[in-house]
C-alpha atoms as a PDB file:
ATOM      1  CA  MET A   1      19.851  13.448  15.939  1.00  0.00           C
ATOM      2  CA  GLU A   2      17.829  12.412  12.888  1.00  0.00           C
ATOM      3  CA  SER A   3      16.712  15.202  10.573  1.00  0.00           C
ATOM      4  CA  LYS A   4      13.143  15.714   9.376  1.00  0.00           C
ATOM      5  CA  GLU A   5      14.247  14.724   5.866  1.00  0.00           C
ATOM      6  CA  GLN A   6      15.007  11.183   7.073  1.00  0.00           C
ATOM      7  CA  HIS A   7      11.344  10.695   8.029  1.00  0.00           C
ATOM      8  CA  LEU A   8       9.853  12.017   4.779  1.00  0.00           C
ATOM      9  CA  ILE A   9       8.138   9.681   2.328  1.00  0.00           C
ATOM     10  CA  THR A  10       9.220  10.718  -1.154  1.00  0.00           C
ATOM     11  CA  LEU A  11       6.634  10.516  -3.931  1.00  0.00           C
ATOM     12  CA  MET A  12       6.423  10.708  -7.720  1.00  0.00           C
ATOM     13  CA  ILE A  13       3.209  11.110  -9.715  1.00  0.00           C
ATOM     14  CA  ALA A  14       2.462   9.952 -13.268  1.00  0.00           C
ATOM     15  CA  ASP A  15      -0.847  11.108 -14.759  1.00  0.00           C
ATOM     16  CA  ASP A  16      -1.606  12.630 -18.157  1.00  0.00           C
ATOM     17  CA  HIS A  17      -4.450  14.792 -16.798  1.00  0.00           C
ATOM     18  CA  LYS A  18      -2.570  17.932 -15.777  1.00  0.00           C
ATOM     19  CA  LEU A  19      -5.382  19.351 -13.657  1.00  0.00           C
ATOM     20  CA  PHE A  20      -5.765  16.110 -11.699  1.00  0.00           C
ATOM     21  CA  ALA A  21      -1.993  15.777 -11.231  1.00  0.00           C
ATOM     22  CA  GLU A  22      -1.761  19.356  -9.950  1.00  0.00           C
ATOM     23  CA  GLY A  23      -4.679  18.772  -7.590  1.00  0.00           C
ATOM     24  CA  LEU A  24      -3.115  15.563  -6.276  1.00  0.00           C
ATOM     25  CA  CYS A  25       0.184  17.363  -5.709  1.00  0.00           C
ATOM     26  CA  ALA A  26      -1.627  20.088  -3.780  1.00  0.00           C
ATOM     27  CA  ILE A  27      -3.399  17.534  -1.568  1.00  0.00           C
ATOM     28  CA  LEU A  28      -0.317  15.420  -0.867  1.00  0.00           C
ATOM     29  CA  SER A  29       1.814  18.481  -0.169  1.00  0.00           C
ATOM     30  CA  LYS A  30      -0.407  19.251   2.824  1.00  0.00           C
ATOM     31  CA  HIS A  31       0.900  16.159   4.604  1.00  0.00           C
ATOM     32  CA  PRO A  32       3.968  17.037   6.706  1.00  0.00           C
ATOM     33  CA  ASN A  33       5.676  13.680   6.022  1.00  0.00           C
ATOM     34  CA  PHE A  34       5.281  13.616   2.238  1.00  0.00           C
ATOM     35  CA  LYS A  35       7.650  15.162  -0.316  1.00  0.00           C
ATOM     36  CA  ILE A  36       6.894  15.161  -4.052  1.00  0.00           C
ATOM     37  CA  ILE A  37      10.097  14.845  -6.078  1.00  0.00           C
ATOM     38  CA  GLY A  38       8.719  14.475  -9.597  1.00  0.00           C
ATOM     39  CA  VAL A  39       5.644  14.600 -11.832  1.00  0.00           C
ATOM     40  CA  ALA A  40       5.292  12.977 -15.267  1.00  0.00           C
ATOM     41  CA  ALA A  41       2.571  12.961 -17.947  1.00  0.00           C
ATOM     42  CA  ASN A  42       3.123   9.410 -19.238  1.00  0.00           C
ATOM     43  CA  GLY A  43       4.998   6.161 -18.701  1.00  0.00           C
ATOM     44  CA  LYS A  44       7.978   7.189 -20.807  1.00  0.00           C
ATOM     45  CA  GLU A  45       8.479  10.392 -18.819  1.00  0.00           C
ATOM     46  CA  ILE A  46       8.297   8.608 -15.473  1.00  0.00           C
ATOM     47  CA  LEU A  47      10.948   6.096 -16.577  1.00  0.00           C
ATOM     48  CA  HIS A  48      13.196   9.024 -17.479  1.00  0.00           C
ATOM     49  CA  LEU A  49      12.642  10.631 -14.072  1.00  0.00           C
ATOM     50  CA  LEU A  50      13.355   7.360 -12.283  1.00  0.00           C
ATOM     51  CA  ASN A  51      16.747   7.176 -13.960  1.00  0.00           C
ATOM     52  CA  HIS A  52      17.709  10.289 -11.994  1.00  0.00           C
ATOM     53  CA  HIS A  53      15.787  10.042  -8.709  1.00  0.00           C
ATOM     54  CA  LEU A  54      14.080   7.126  -6.954  1.00  0.00           C
ATOM     55  CA  PRO A  55      11.047   7.877  -4.760  1.00  0.00           C
ATOM     56  CA  ASP A  56       9.769   5.666  -1.988  1.00  0.00           C
ATOM     57  CA  ILE A  57       6.398   5.449  -3.730  1.00  0.00           C
ATOM     58  CA  LEU A  58       5.226   6.076  -7.282  1.00  0.00           C
ATOM     59  CA  ILE A  59       1.556   7.007  -7.781  1.00  0.00           C
ATOM     60  CA  ILE A  60       0.583   6.184 -11.346  1.00  0.00           C
ATOM     61  CA  ASP A  61      -2.507   6.208 -13.571  1.00  0.00           C
ATOM     62  CA  LEU A  62      -3.176   3.371 -16.033  1.00  0.00           C
ATOM     63  CA  ASN A  63      -4.685   5.227 -18.981  1.00  0.00           C
ATOM     64  CA  MET A  64      -1.791   7.322 -20.308  1.00  0.00           C
ATOM     65  CA  PRO A  65      -0.387   8.073 -23.795  1.00  0.00           C
ATOM     66  CA  VAL A  66       3.030   7.080 -25.207  1.00  0.00           C
ATOM     67  CA  LEU A  67       3.500   4.286 -22.645  1.00  0.00           C
ATOM     68  CA  ASP A  68       0.446   3.120 -20.702  1.00  0.00           C
ATOM     69  CA  GLY A  69       0.492   2.658 -16.945  1.00  0.00           C
ATOM     70  CA  GLU A  70       0.288  -1.126 -16.891  1.00  0.00           C
ATOM     71  CA  THR A  71       3.268  -1.508 -19.228  1.00  0.00           C
ATOM     72  CA  ALA A  72       5.147   1.157 -17.287  1.00  0.00           C
ATOM     73  CA  CYS A  73       4.503  -0.723 -14.026  1.00  0.00           C
ATOM     74  CA  GLU A  74       6.025  -3.891 -15.486  1.00  0.00           C
ATOM     75  CA  LYS A  75       9.135  -2.026 -16.649  1.00  0.00           C
ATOM     76  CA  ILE A  76       9.504  -0.161 -13.355  1.00  0.00           C
ATOM     77  CA  ARG A  77       9.293  -3.387 -11.353  1.00  0.00           C
ATOM     78  CA  GLN A  78      12.080  -4.840 -13.536  1.00  0.00           C
ATOM     79  CA  LEU A  79      14.342  -1.781 -13.573  1.00  0.00           C
ATOM     80  CA  PHE A  80      13.629  -0.164 -10.195  1.00  0.00           C
ATOM     81  CA  PRO A  81      12.438  -2.906  -7.815  1.00  0.00           C
ATOM     82  CA  SER A  82      12.921  -0.740  -4.705  1.00  0.00           C
ATOM     83  CA  VAL A  83      10.175   1.671  -5.816  1.00  0.00           C
ATOM     84  CA  LYS A  84       6.754   0.833  -4.372  1.00  0.00           C
ATOM     85  CA  ILE A  85       3.953   1.400  -6.886  1.00  0.00           C
ATOM     86  CA  MET A  86       0.444   2.652  -6.150  1.00  0.00           C
ATOM     87  CA  VAL A  87      -1.999   2.623  -9.064  1.00  0.00           C
ATOM     88  CA  LEU A  88      -4.619   5.359  -8.785  1.00  0.00           C
ATOM     89  CA  SER A  89      -7.249   4.849 -11.485  1.00  0.00           C
ATOM     90  CA  MET A  90     -10.870   5.396 -12.509  1.00  0.00           C
ATOM     91  CA  TYR A  91     -11.024   1.776 -13.684  1.00  0.00           C
ATOM     92  CA  HIS A  92     -11.207  -0.938 -11.048  1.00  0.00           C
ATOM     93  CA  THR A  93     -11.927  -4.618 -11.707  1.00  0.00           C
ATOM     94  CA  SER A  94     -10.958  -7.821  -9.909  1.00  0.00           C
ATOM     95  CA  LYS A  95      -9.184  -9.095 -13.018  1.00  0.00           C
ATOM     96  CA  LEU A  96      -7.072  -5.961 -13.336  1.00  0.00           C
ATOM     97  CA  ALA A  97      -6.339  -5.935  -9.602  1.00  0.00           C
ATOM     98  CA  THR A  98      -5.076  -9.513  -9.823  1.00  0.00           C
ATOM     99  CA  LYS A  99      -2.864  -8.673 -12.820  1.00  0.00           C
ATOM    100  CA  LEU A 100      -1.311  -5.668 -11.072  1.00  0.00           C
ATOM    101  CA  GLU A 101      -0.736  -7.658  -7.890  1.00  0.00           C
ATOM    102  CA  GLU A 102       1.099 -10.305  -9.920  1.00  0.00           C
ATOM    103  CA  ILE A 103       3.295  -7.593 -11.453  1.00  0.00           C
ATOM    104  CA  GLY A 104       4.277  -6.419  -7.963  1.00  0.00           C
ATOM    105  CA  VAL A 105       2.190  -3.277  -7.577  1.00  0.00           C
ATOM    106  CA  LYS A 106       1.538  -2.495  -3.881  1.00  0.00           C
ATOM    107  CA  ALA A 107      -1.881  -0.844  -4.146  1.00  0.00           C
ATOM    108  CA  PHE A 108      -4.723  -0.404  -6.610  1.00  0.00           C
ATOM    109  CA  ILE A 109      -7.236   2.228  -5.551  1.00  0.00           C
ATOM    110  CA  GLN A 110      -9.820   4.468  -7.173  1.00  0.00           C
ATOM    111  CA  LYS A 111      -9.393   8.153  -7.910  1.00  0.00           C
ATOM    112  CA  ASP A 112     -12.367   9.146  -5.774  1.00  0.00           C
ATOM    113  CA  THR A 113     -10.644   7.948  -2.574  1.00  0.00           C
ATOM    114  CA  ASP A 114     -10.772  10.689   0.073  1.00  0.00           C
ATOM    115  CA  ALA A 115      -7.607  12.511   1.160  1.00  0.00           C
ATOM    116  CA  ASP A 116      -7.398  11.059   4.682  1.00  0.00           C
ATOM    117  CA  SER A 117      -7.642   7.499   3.356  1.00  0.00           C
ATOM    118  CA  LEU A 118      -5.034   8.281   0.707  1.00  0.00           C
ATOM    119  CA  PHE A 119      -2.644   9.619   3.371  1.00  0.00           C
ATOM    120  CA  LYS A 120      -3.095   6.483   5.473  1.00  0.00           C
ATOM    121  CA  ILE A 121      -2.661   4.093   2.544  1.00  0.00           C
ATOM    122  CA  ILE A 122       0.548   5.810   1.389  1.00  0.00           C
ATOM    123  CA  SER A 123       1.979   5.720   4.916  1.00  0.00           C
ATOM    124  CA  GLU A 124       1.206   2.025   5.294  1.00  0.00           C
ATOM    125  CA  ILE A 125       2.556   1.111   1.847  1.00  0.00           C
ATOM    126  CA  LYS A 126       5.853   2.595   3.030  1.00  0.00           C
ATOM    127  CA  LEU A 127       5.714   0.164   5.979  1.00  0.00           C
ATOM    128  CA  GLY A 128       5.196  -2.798   3.641  1.00  0.00           C
ATOM    129  CA  GLU A 129       1.403  -2.882   3.477  1.00  0.00           C
ATOM    130  CA  CYS A 130      -0.572  -3.830   0.349  1.00  0.00           C
ATOM    131  CA  PHE A 131      -4.055  -2.700  -0.680  1.00  0.00           C
ATOM    132  CA  PHE A 132      -5.678  -5.021  -3.183  1.00  0.00           C
ATOM    133  CA  GLU A 133      -9.271  -5.316  -2.096  1.00  0.00           C
ATOM    134  CA  LYS A 134     -11.317  -6.382  -5.090  1.00  0.00           C
ATOM    135  CA  THR A 135     -14.236  -4.010  -4.431  1.00  0.00           C
ATOM    136  CA  LYS A 136     -14.419  -0.380  -3.387  1.00  0.00           C
ATOM    137  CA  SER A 137     -16.514  -1.192  -0.323  1.00  0.00           C
ATOM    138  CA  ASN A 138     -13.624  -3.186   1.106  1.00  0.00           C
ATOM    139  CA  LEU A 139     -10.900  -0.694   0.245  1.00  0.00           C
ATOM    140  CA  GLN A 140     -11.036   1.071   3.578  1.00  0.00           C
ATOM    141  CA  SER A 141     -11.536  -2.034   5.721  1.00  0.00           C
ATOM    142  CA  ALA A 142      -8.161  -1.664   7.401  1.00  0.00           C
ATOM    143  CA  SER A 143      -8.701   2.048   7.989  1.00  0.00           C
ATOM    144  CA  ASN A 144     -12.101   1.436   9.559  1.00  0.00           C
ATOM    145  CA  TYR A 145     -10.906  -1.319  11.901  1.00  0.00           C
ATOM    146  CA  ASN A 146     -11.173  -0.219  15.537  1.00  0.00           C
ATOM    147  CA  VAL A 147      -7.905  -0.948  17.346  1.00  0.00           C
ATOM    148  CA  ASP A 148      -5.869   0.202  20.316  1.00  0.00           C
ATOM    149  CA  ASP A 149      -3.550   2.777  18.714  1.00  0.00           C
ATOM    150  CA  HIS A 150      -0.985   2.561  21.523  1.00  0.00           C
ATOM    151  CA  PHE A 151      -0.849  -1.232  21.243  1.00  0.00           C
ATOM    152  CA  GLN A 152      -0.514  -1.033  17.461  1.00  0.00           C
ATOM    153  CA  LYS A 153       2.274   1.557  17.548  1.00  0.00           C
ATOM    154  CA  SER A 154       4.170  -0.100  20.399  1.00  0.00           C
ATOM    155  CA  HIS A 155       4.413  -3.313  18.362  1.00  0.00           C
ATOM    156  CA  ASN A 156       5.048  -1.494  15.042  1.00  0.00           C
ATOM    157  CA  LEU A 157       2.059  -3.203  13.407  1.00  0.00           C
ATOM    158  CA  THR A 158       0.158  -1.881  10.397  1.00  0.00           C
ATOM    159  CA  SER A 159      -3.642  -1.614  10.421  1.00  0.00           C
ATOM    160  CA  ARG A 160      -3.876  -4.648   8.148  1.00  0.00           C
ATOM    161  CA  GLU A 161      -1.640  -6.676  10.455  1.00  0.00           C
ATOM    162  CA  MET A 162      -3.874  -5.729  13.387  1.00  0.00           C
ATOM    163  CA  GLU A 163      -6.909  -6.827  11.402  1.00  0.00           C
ATOM    164  CA  ILE A 164      -5.327 -10.165  10.524  1.00  0.00           C
ATOM    165  CA  LEU A 165      -4.209 -10.642  14.123  1.00  0.00           C
ATOM    166  CA  LYS A 166      -7.822 -10.176  15.246  1.00  0.00           C
ATOM    167  CA  LEU A 167      -9.027 -12.750  12.698  1.00  0.00           C
ATOM    168  CA  ILE A 168      -6.337 -15.207  13.834  1.00  0.00           C
ATOM    169  CA  SER A 169      -7.613 -14.818  17.403  1.00  0.00           C
ATOM    170  CA  ASP A 170     -11.108 -15.586  16.081  1.00  0.00           C
ATOM    171  CA  ASP A 171      -9.764 -18.894  14.698  1.00  0.00           C
ATOM    172  CA  TYR A 172      -9.781 -17.932  11.003  1.00  0.00           C
ATOM    173  CA  THR A 173      -7.454 -19.922   8.744  1.00  0.00           C
ATOM    174  CA  SER A 174      -5.167 -18.133   6.287  1.00  0.00           C
ATOM    175  CA  GLN A 175      -7.479 -19.111   3.422  1.00  0.00           C
ATOM    176  CA  GLN A 176     -10.520 -17.736   5.262  1.00  0.00           C
ATOM    177  CA  ILE A 177      -8.662 -14.509   6.050  1.00  0.00           C
ATOM    178  CA  ALA A 178      -7.730 -14.093   2.388  1.00  0.00           C
ATOM    179  CA  GLN A 179     -11.343 -14.555   1.308  1.00  0.00           C
ATOM    180  CA  LYS A 180     -12.735 -12.219   3.960  1.00  0.00           C
ATOM    181  CA  LEU A 181     -10.279  -9.405   3.214  1.00  0.00           C
ATOM    182  CA  PHE A 182     -10.238  -9.907  -0.567  1.00  0.00           C
ATOM    183  CA  ILE A 183      -6.461 -10.401  -0.641  1.00  0.00           C
ATOM    184  CA  SER A 184      -4.307 -13.281  -1.871  1.00  0.00           C
ATOM    185  CA  LEU A 185      -3.254 -16.205   0.307  1.00  0.00           C
ATOM    186  CA  ASN A 186       0.354 -15.265  -0.381  1.00  0.00           C
ATOM    187  CA  THR A 187      -0.296 -11.763   1.008  1.00  0.00           C
ATOM    188  CA  VAL A 188      -1.768 -13.247   4.195  1.00  0.00           C
ATOM    189  CA  ASP A 189       1.264 -15.517   4.624  1.00  0.00           C
ATOM    190  CA  THR A 190       3.598 -12.552   4.123  1.00  0.00           C
ATOM    191  CA  HIS A 191       1.767 -10.617   6.829  1.00  0.00           C
ATOM    192  CA  ARG A 192       2.030 -13.624   9.163  1.00  0.00           C
ATOM    193  CA  LYS A 193       5.794 -13.840   8.621  1.00  0.00           C
ATOM    194  CA  ASN A 194       6.213 -10.102   9.209  1.00  0.00           C
ATOM    195  CA  MET A 195       4.230 -10.288  12.445  1.00  0.00           C
ATOM    196  CA  VAL A 196       6.240 -13.259  13.694  1.00  0.00           C
ATOM    197  CA  GLN A 197       9.393 -11.149  13.299  1.00  0.00           C
ATOM    198  CA  LYS A 198       7.924  -7.950  14.761  1.00  0.00           C
ATOM    199  CA  LEU A 199       6.392  -9.705  17.769  1.00  0.00           C
ATOM    200  CA  ASN A 200       9.403 -11.992  18.321  1.00  0.00           C
ATOM    201  CA  VAL A 201       7.274 -15.133  18.541  1.00  0.00           C
ATOM    202  CA  THR A 202       7.897 -18.623  17.201  1.00  0.00           C
ATOM    203  CA  GLY A 203       5.966 -19.561  14.059  1.00  0.00           C
ATOM    204  CA  LYS A 204       2.212 -19.929  13.665  1.00  0.00           C
ATOM    205  CA  THR A 205       1.781 -21.401  17.155  1.00  0.00           C
ATOM    206  CA  GLY A 206       3.492 -18.445  18.799  1.00  0.00           C
ATOM    207  CA  LEU A 207       1.507 -15.996  16.685  1.00  0.00           C
ATOM    208  CA  LEU A 208      -1.774 -17.705  17.589  1.00  0.00           C
ATOM    209  CA  LYS A 209      -0.873 -17.621  21.294  1.00  0.00           C
ATOM    210  CA  PHE A 210      -0.045 -13.904  21.091  1.00  0.00           C
ATOM    211  CA  ALA A 211      -3.297 -13.216  19.202  1.00  0.00           C
ATOM    212  CA  LEU A 212      -5.365 -15.017  21.815  1.00  0.00           C
ATOM    213  CA  GLU A 213      -3.622 -13.287  24.714  1.00  0.00           C
ATOM    214  CA  ASN A 214      -4.288  -9.895  23.140  1.00  0.00           C
ATOM    215  CA  LYS A 215      -7.677 -10.648  21.600  1.00  0.00           C
ATOM    216  CA  HIS A 216      -9.500  -7.647  23.033  1.00  0.00           C
ATOM    217  CA  ARG A 217      -7.011  -5.016  21.929  1.00  0.00           C
END
């Protein structure tokens, strides 16, 4: 029998604002599937912690002393590629989002995101999801999408994959999906490949057929 520990998502936090970091720890600790295994005040400290323990997800701020968050993200991606990075920041621009996505960061969200959305985003990052909407209004688009929860869970699909599946059934091209969801074309293609494997269908044609057959889910 699997233990509870095997289902936990381990987290580390890097933020130089002690009060915010403590508040974030308190919020995340309320989730039964999250376990915080380290907190750092700057990029240099988080690199030191990562040399001893690797979390599933690192939540990091950009504006930090000693070693800023953006530089730290680049180093972490090089040294610890298995660690998924979520940037949680007050500053949010399309240009910066694009730069972080190119580095390999999995999510770029604002610090005023509500707790329930934060819980959902962390859980879906663990499943391979990415959150790189270029505007705040689109950040929760996957969370707000109305889907059949049983259907989604039975096929092991993320909310974003369900959203893309719906757009495929509506005859959207990959380029149109990328533009509508404010994500890169490469991200759309990655989601398509993941869904082909999860749904055990053959290529784009098989995925389209499945989408059409399940259009009203």
